[in-house]
């Protein structure tokens, strides 16, 4: 059953309620949709080699062969995301928010409203998982997929991770955040990756940078811009702190969080951590195919796409099920293209 068919029903909900939409800043800013594969496995290709330069040759000599840049390819099977929710007879007896007390909805109308509401809520759970996976890749270089019957870690061999200590911590007045950021910026540029133009950090790190004595000295020399963008245009949880002209970096913080499988609230950006990266060099989400049973042909079929919705009924007990399936995998554009540092 396609999602658009659910919204084509003649009677839909009067009030869904104020559902809190998931924060998608990390997805919107740093990620793009990649390929939807025809199989459950996703192939990741990594380019090898340098950037060749055209050779000088004599006009009496033949052209000099430039070898094609090779690549390595690995296949991964992204773990299946499969949130589901039933609508039972008990659900249909309960008055929903916004429903009239004196003219309650009929069971079939109430079922359609619940189904529409469940579509939104289950999609939101998938979106939150995408953001969690994206943030984990950005700040660890890995994607961990652990659940019922699933346990795998996809490691992209990301090595640009630094951990400061002692007087190097940004909380120490003797440290030099500008020199550190400049050095890490050059590491990325030396790897022929896109030049980094921003720092994404947790709130405390961003504040520690902007209030550091060496950074405040820049303000006296007009080397620091503060409040140069319209903050009303930023998504919830995002703060723009200013621009360090000397190193060409805009400083942002993000305070979004999610609830993990254990019920604990976890920030998307680890405490005391920053990422130095380019806003132009996008990470990518690829999607493996899902195998489902076609209700018409009663045959197994493979479905490509980001999300595969399913809906079916059981007679005893009387239930209408909604299920959504997705096999996303976050992939870096260049494993040398960003730096992560624990600075507090």
Protein backbone atom coordinates (compact mmCIF):
# COMPACT_ATOMS: atom_id res chain seq x y z
CA UNK A 1 0.00 0.00 0.00
CA UNK A 2 1.55 3.27 -1.11
CA UNK A 3 1.66 6.15 1.33
CA UNK A 4 -0.05 8.49 -1.13
CA UNK A 5 -3.06 6.13 -1.27
CA UNK A 6 -3.57 6.56 2.47
CA UNK A 7 -3.87 10.29 2.05
CA UNK A 8 -6.37 9.84 -0.81
CA UNK A 9 -9.02 8.43 1.53
CA UNK A 10 -12.17 10.64 1.53
CA UNK A 11 -12.11 10.97 5.30
CA UNK A 12 -8.94 11.89 7.11
CA UNK A 13 -8.11 13.23 10.51
CA UNK A 14 -9.27 16.61 11.75
CA UNK A 15 -6.46 16.78 14.28
CA UNK A 16 -3.24 14.78 14.12
CA UNK A 17 -1.85 16.65 17.09
CA UNK A 18 1.31 18.66 17.36
CA UNK A 19 3.81 15.93 16.61
CA UNK A 20 7.40 17.07 17.29
CA UNK A 21 9.24 16.61 14.00
CA UNK A 22 12.75 15.19 14.20
CA UNK A 23 15.66 17.58 13.85
CA UNK A 24 17.30 16.98 10.46
CA UNK A 25 20.00 19.67 10.46
CA UNK A 26 22.86 17.19 10.05
CA UNK A 27 21.08 15.41 7.17
CA UNK A 28 20.09 18.63 5.41
CA UNK A 29 23.47 20.33 5.76
CA UNK A 30 26.00 17.55 5.27
CA UNK A 31 24.28 14.61 3.53
CA UNK A 32 22.72 13.82 0.19
CA UNK A 33 20.74 10.86 -1.13
CA UNK A 34 22.80 8.39 -3.10
CA UNK A 35 21.85 5.26 -4.97
CA UNK A 36 18.98 2.90 -4.26
CA UNK A 37 20.51 -0.51 -5.06
CA UNK A 38 18.71 -3.44 -6.64
CA UNK A 39 20.11 -5.85 -4.05
CA UNK A 40 20.24 -5.92 -0.26
CA UNK A 41 23.99 -5.29 -0.49
CA UNK A 42 25.42 -1.83 -1.13
CA UNK A 43 28.71 -1.39 -2.99
CA UNK A 44 31.01 1.37 -1.75
CA UNK A 45 33.75 2.53 -4.13
CA UNK A 46 36.83 4.31 -2.82
CA UNK A 47 39.09 6.11 -5.26
CA UNK A 48 42.85 5.57 -5.03
CA UNK A 49 45.78 7.45 -6.49
CA UNK A 50 46.84 11.07 -6.93
CA UNK A 51 45.69 13.81 -9.27
CA UNK A 52 47.86 13.47 -12.40
CA UNK A 53 49.16 16.52 -14.24
CA UNK A 54 49.49 16.76 -18.02
CA UNK A 55 53.11 15.95 -19.06
CA UNK A 56 55.41 18.03 -21.24
CA UNK A 57 56.66 16.22 -24.36
CA UNK A 58 58.48 17.17 -27.48
CA UNK A 59 56.40 17.79 -30.58
CA UNK A 60 58.40 14.94 -32.14
CA UNK A 61 57.32 12.50 -29.43
CA UNK A 62 54.04 10.57 -29.15
CA UNK A 63 51.54 11.39 -26.42
CA UNK A 64 52.42 10.15 -22.94
CA UNK A 65 49.98 7.68 -21.45
CA UNK A 66 48.19 8.77 -18.25
CA UNK A 67 47.06 5.74 -16.28
CA UNK A 68 43.47 5.66 -15.15
CA UNK A 69 42.95 6.20 -11.45
CA UNK A 70 41.89 2.95 -9.85
CA UNK A 71 39.45 2.34 -7.06
CA UNK A 72 38.64 -0.27 -4.47
CA UNK A 73 35.12 -1.58 -3.99
CA UNK A 74 33.61 -3.19 -0.93
CA UNK A 75 30.14 -4.55 -0.41
CA UNK A 76 28.14 -4.11 2.77
CA UNK A 77 24.69 -5.30 3.74
CA UNK A 78 23.02 -2.50 5.69
CA UNK A 79 21.00 -3.71 8.65
CA UNK A 80 17.25 -3.57 8.17
CA UNK A 81 15.25 -0.85 9.90
CA UNK A 82 11.70 -2.10 10.40
CA UNK A 83 9.41 -0.12 12.71
CA UNK A 84 5.84 -1.42 12.89
CA UNK A 85 2.63 -0.63 14.71
CA UNK A 86 -0.78 -2.40 14.88
CA UNK A 87 -4.22 -0.86 15.15
CA UNK A 88 -6.35 -3.06 17.38
CA UNK A 89 -10.02 -3.10 18.32
CA UNK A 90 -9.05 -1.53 21.66
CA UNK A 91 -7.43 1.40 19.84
CA UNK A 92 -10.65 2.04 17.95
CA UNK A 93 -12.64 2.30 21.19
CA UNK A 94 -10.44 5.09 22.55
CA UNK A 95 -11.37 8.69 21.71
CA UNK A 96 -8.50 10.51 20.04
CA UNK A 97 -7.30 14.09 20.62
CA UNK A 98 -9.54 16.54 18.77
CA UNK A 99 -12.40 14.08 18.44
CA UNK A 100 -15.85 15.29 19.45
CA UNK A 101 -17.24 13.93 22.72
CA UNK A 102 -20.82 13.99 21.50
CA UNK A 103 -20.32 12.78 17.91
CA UNK A 104 -17.48 10.29 18.09
CA UNK A 105 -15.98 8.90 14.90
CA UNK A 106 -17.02 5.54 13.54
CA UNK A 107 -14.45 2.72 13.88
CA UNK A 108 -13.50 2.79 10.19
CA UNK A 109 -12.92 6.56 10.27
CA UNK A 110 -10.94 6.30 13.48
CA UNK A 111 -8.83 3.53 11.93
CA UNK A 112 -7.94 5.73 8.96
CA UNK A 113 -6.96 8.59 11.25
CA UNK A 114 -4.78 6.32 13.35
CA UNK A 115 -3.14 4.91 10.22
CA UNK A 116 -2.32 8.39 8.92
CA UNK A 117 -0.91 9.36 12.32
CA UNK A 118 1.13 6.15 12.51
CA UNK A 119 2.64 6.83 9.08
CA UNK A 120 4.01 10.15 10.29
CA UNK A 121 5.30 8.76 13.58
CA UNK A 122 7.00 5.71 12.03
CA UNK A 123 8.61 7.87 9.35
CA UNK A 124 9.92 10.11 12.11
CA UNK A 125 11.54 7.13 13.87
CA UNK A 126 13.36 6.25 10.63
CA UNK A 127 14.47 9.86 10.19
CA UNK A 128 15.88 9.92 13.73
CA UNK A 129 17.81 6.73 13.00
CA UNK A 130 19.22 8.34 9.85
CA UNK A 131 20.38 11.37 11.83
CA UNK A 132 21.91 9.12 14.51
CA UNK A 133 23.75 7.09 11.86
CA UNK A 134 24.90 10.26 10.11
CA UNK A 135 26.20 11.81 13.33
CA UNK A 136 28.01 8.60 14.30
CA UNK A 137 29.77 8.49 10.94
CA UNK A 138 30.74 12.16 11.16
CA UNK A 139 32.20 11.89 14.67
CA UNK A 140 33.64 8.34 14.71
CA UNK A 141 34.14 7.32 11.07
CA UNK A 142 32.08 4.20 11.74
CA UNK A 143 28.48 2.99 11.50
CA UNK A 144 27.38 0.65 14.29
CA UNK A 145 24.25 -1.41 13.65
CA UNK A 146 23.19 -3.43 16.67
CA UNK A 147 19.71 -4.80 17.32
CA UNK A 148 17.71 -7.97 17.61
CA UNK A 149 19.62 -10.53 15.54
CA UNK A 150 21.93 -7.83 14.16
CA UNK A 151 25.44 -6.85 15.26
CA UNK A 152 27.87 -5.26 12.84
CA UNK A 153 30.27 -2.32 12.66
CA UNK A 154 31.08 -0.79 9.29
CA UNK A 155 34.49 0.82 9.69
CA UNK A 156 35.67 3.23 6.98
CA UNK A 157 39.23 3.38 8.41
CA UNK A 158 38.85 7.02 9.40
CA UNK A 159 42.04 8.14 11.16
CA UNK A 160 41.74 11.94 11.44
CA UNK A 161 40.80 11.83 15.13
CA UNK A 162 42.60 13.90 17.75
CA UNK A 163 42.23 13.91 21.54
CA UNK A 164 43.68 16.87 23.41
CA UNK A 165 44.76 16.82 27.03
CA UNK A 166 46.42 18.98 29.66
CA UNK A 167 47.24 22.53 28.62
CA UNK A 168 46.17 21.79 25.04
CA UNK A 169 42.49 21.64 26.04
CA UNK A 170 40.51 24.63 24.80
CA UNK A 171 39.37 25.29 28.37
CA UNK A 172 42.98 26.19 29.25
CA UNK A 173 44.05 29.78 28.59
CA UNK A 174 47.53 28.54 27.62
CA UNK A 175 46.16 26.54 24.69
CA UNK A 176 45.93 27.87 21.14
CA UNK A 177 42.67 26.88 19.39
CA UNK A 178 43.52 28.93 16.31
CA UNK A 179 46.85 27.17 15.77
CA UNK A 180 45.22 23.79 16.33
CA UNK A 181 42.40 24.46 13.85
CA UNK A 182 44.86 25.85 11.30
CA UNK A 183 47.04 22.73 11.56
CA UNK A 184 44.07 20.38 11.17
CA UNK A 185 42.74 22.43 8.28
CA UNK A 186 46.05 21.93 6.49
CA UNK A 187 45.90 18.16 7.13
CA UNK A 188 42.66 18.06 5.16
CA UNK A 189 43.97 20.30 2.37
CA UNK A 190 47.16 18.22 2.04
CA UNK A 191 44.97 15.16 1.42
CA UNK A 192 43.52 16.87 -1.68
CA UNK A 193 40.12 17.04 0.01
CA UNK A 194 37.82 20.07 -0.29
CA UNK A 195 38.99 22.97 1.86
CA UNK A 196 37.13 22.97 5.19
CA UNK A 197 35.04 26.05 5.86
CA UNK A 198 33.29 25.33 9.15
CA UNK A 199 33.51 23.84 12.60
CA UNK A 200 30.53 21.89 13.94
CA UNK A 201 30.76 21.39 17.69
CA UNK A 202 28.72 20.90 20.81
CA UNK A 203 27.64 24.14 22.46
CA UNK A 204 30.28 24.19 25.20
CA UNK A 205 33.11 23.72 22.70
CA UNK A 206 31.86 26.55 20.48
CA UNK A 207 31.59 28.87 23.47
CA UNK A 208 35.09 27.87 24.65
CA UNK A 209 36.50 28.76 21.23
CA UNK A 210 34.82 32.14 20.96
CA UNK A 211 35.70 33.15 24.54
CA UNK A 212 39.29 31.95 24.43
CA UNK A 213 41.80 34.77 25.07
CA UNK A 214 43.65 34.16 21.79
CA UNK A 215 40.39 34.31 19.85
CA UNK A 216 39.26 37.47 21.65
CA UNK A 217 42.54 39.09 20.59
CA UNK A 218 41.40 38.68 16.99
CA UNK A 219 38.44 40.94 17.67
CA UNK A 220 40.84 43.79 18.42
CA UNK A 221 42.44 43.26 15.01
CA UNK A 222 39.14 42.74 13.18
CA UNK A 223 40.00 39.12 12.64
CA UNK A 224 36.78 37.89 14.23
CA UNK A 225 33.22 38.23 12.94
CA UNK A 226 30.36 37.70 15.36
CA UNK A 227 26.67 37.58 14.53
CA UNK A 228 27.09 38.14 10.80
CA UNK A 229 24.17 35.94 9.73
CA UNK A 230 20.44 36.00 10.45
CA UNK A 231 20.12 33.51 13.30
CA UNK A 232 16.34 33.35 12.80
CA UNK A 233 17.00 31.28 9.67
CA UNK A 234 18.86 28.56 11.56
CA UNK A 235 17.14 25.28 12.47
CA UNK A 236 16.22 24.48 16.06
CA UNK A 237 19.24 23.51 18.13
CA UNK A 238 21.74 25.26 15.83
CA UNK A 239 23.72 28.32 16.96
CA UNK A 240 26.07 30.41 14.84
CA UNK A 241 28.88 31.74 17.02
CA UNK A 242 31.05 33.65 14.55
CA UNK A 243 33.79 33.43 11.93
CA UNK A 244 37.52 33.05 12.47
CA UNK A 245 38.92 34.98 9.51
CA UNK A 246 42.49 33.84 10.07
CA UNK A 247 41.60 30.23 9.35
CA UNK A 248 38.49 30.84 7.22
CA UNK A 249 36.15 28.90 9.50
CA UNK A 250 32.58 29.54 10.60
CA UNK A 251 31.82 28.19 14.08
CA UNK A 252 28.49 26.41 14.61
CA UNK A 253 27.14 24.40 17.49
CA UNK A 254 24.32 21.86 17.48
CA UNK A 255 22.52 20.61 20.57
CA UNK A 256 20.16 18.01 19.07
CA UNK A 257 19.73 14.64 20.76
CA UNK A 258 17.91 11.33 20.43
CA UNK A 259 16.66 8.59 22.74
CA UNK A 260 18.70 5.41 22.35
CA UNK A 261 17.48 1.82 22.65
CA UNK A 262 18.15 1.88 26.39
CA UNK A 263 15.90 4.92 26.85
CA UNK A 264 18.75 7.37 27.55
CA UNK A 265 18.98 10.81 25.96
CA UNK A 266 22.12 11.00 23.80
CA UNK A 267 23.48 14.13 22.04
CA UNK A 268 24.20 13.77 18.34
CA UNK A 269 27.53 15.54 18.85
CA UNK A 270 29.64 13.92 21.60
CA UNK A 271 30.34 16.14 24.60
CA UNK A 272 33.49 18.27 24.25
CA UNK A 273 33.94 17.38 20.57
CA UNK A 274 34.17 19.25 17.28
CA UNK A 275 34.33 18.35 13.61
CA UNK A 276 36.31 20.39 11.10
CA UNK A 277 34.82 19.88 7.65
CA UNK A 278 33.60 21.32 4.38
CA UNK A 279 29.94 22.19 3.95
CA UNK A 280 30.38 21.53 0.20
CA UNK A 281 31.72 17.97 0.47
CA UNK A 282 28.57 15.96 1.12
CA UNK A 283 28.33 12.60 2.81
CA UNK A 284 25.92 10.18 1.13
CA UNK A 285 23.16 7.78 2.10
CA UNK A 286 22.84 4.65 -0.04
CA UNK A 287 19.90 2.27 0.34
CA UNK A 288 19.73 -1.49 -0.06
CA UNK A 289 16.65 -3.15 -1.53
CA UNK A 290 13.94 -4.80 0.58
CA UNK A 291 12.40 -8.19 -0.09
CA UNK A 292 8.65 -8.36 0.61
CA UNK A 293 5.68 -10.54 -0.24
CA UNK A 294 3.52 -9.11 -3.02
CA UNK A 295 -0.07 -9.44 -1.72
CA UNK A 296 -1.49 -9.75 -5.26
CA UNK A 297 0.85 -12.37 -6.76
CA UNK A 298 1.76 -13.93 -3.39
CA UNK A 299 5.35 -14.01 -4.62
CA UNK A 300 8.51 -12.55 -3.09
CA UNK A 301 9.55 -9.32 -4.78
CA UNK A 302 12.55 -7.03 -4.33
CA UNK A 303 11.69 -3.35 -3.89
CA UNK A 304 14.19 -0.51 -4.46
CA UNK A 305 13.89 2.79 -2.64
CA UNK A 306 14.47 4.63 0.61
CA UNK A 307 11.42 3.30 2.48
CA UNK A 308 9.14 0.38 1.65
CA UNK A 309 5.76 0.66 3.45
CA UNK A 310 3.54 -2.36 4.05
CA UNK A 311 0.05 -2.68 5.46
CA UNK A 312 -1.98 -5.83 6.09
CA UNK A 313 -4.77 -7.14 8.30
CA UNK A 314 -5.23 -10.13 10.58
CA UNK A 315 -8.68 -11.52 11.25
CA UNK A 316 -8.03 -13.01 14.69
CA UNK A 317 -7.10 -10.99 16.58
CA UNK A 318 -8.58 -8.14 14.54
CA UNK A 319 -5.67 -5.86 13.69
CA UNK A 320 -4.47 -3.54 10.94
CA UNK A 321 -0.67 -3.50 10.71
CA UNK A 322 1.57 -0.80 9.35
CA UNK A 323 5.25 -1.53 8.79
CA UNK A 324 8.06 0.41 7.14
CA UNK A 325 11.31 -1.09 5.92
CA UNK A 326 14.56 0.65 5.04
CA UNK A 327 18.22 -0.32 4.59
CA UNK A 328 20.19 2.95 4.82
CA UNK A 329 23.96 3.20 4.97
CA UNK A 330 25.82 6.46 5.54
CA UNK A 331 28.98 6.76 3.41
CA UNK A 332 31.76 9.37 3.50
CA UNK A 333 32.79 11.15 0.32
CA UNK A 334 36.45 11.12 1.37
CA UNK A 335 37.74 9.52 4.57
CA UNK A 336 40.50 12.14 4.65
CA UNK A 337 38.07 14.99 4.14
CA UNK A 338 37.33 15.95 7.73
CA UNK A 339 38.84 15.97 11.22
CA UNK A 340 37.26 15.14 14.59
CA UNK A 341 38.79 16.35 17.84
CA UNK A 342 38.00 16.00 21.54
CA UNK A 343 39.01 19.40 22.83
CA UNK A 344 37.27 19.69 26.23
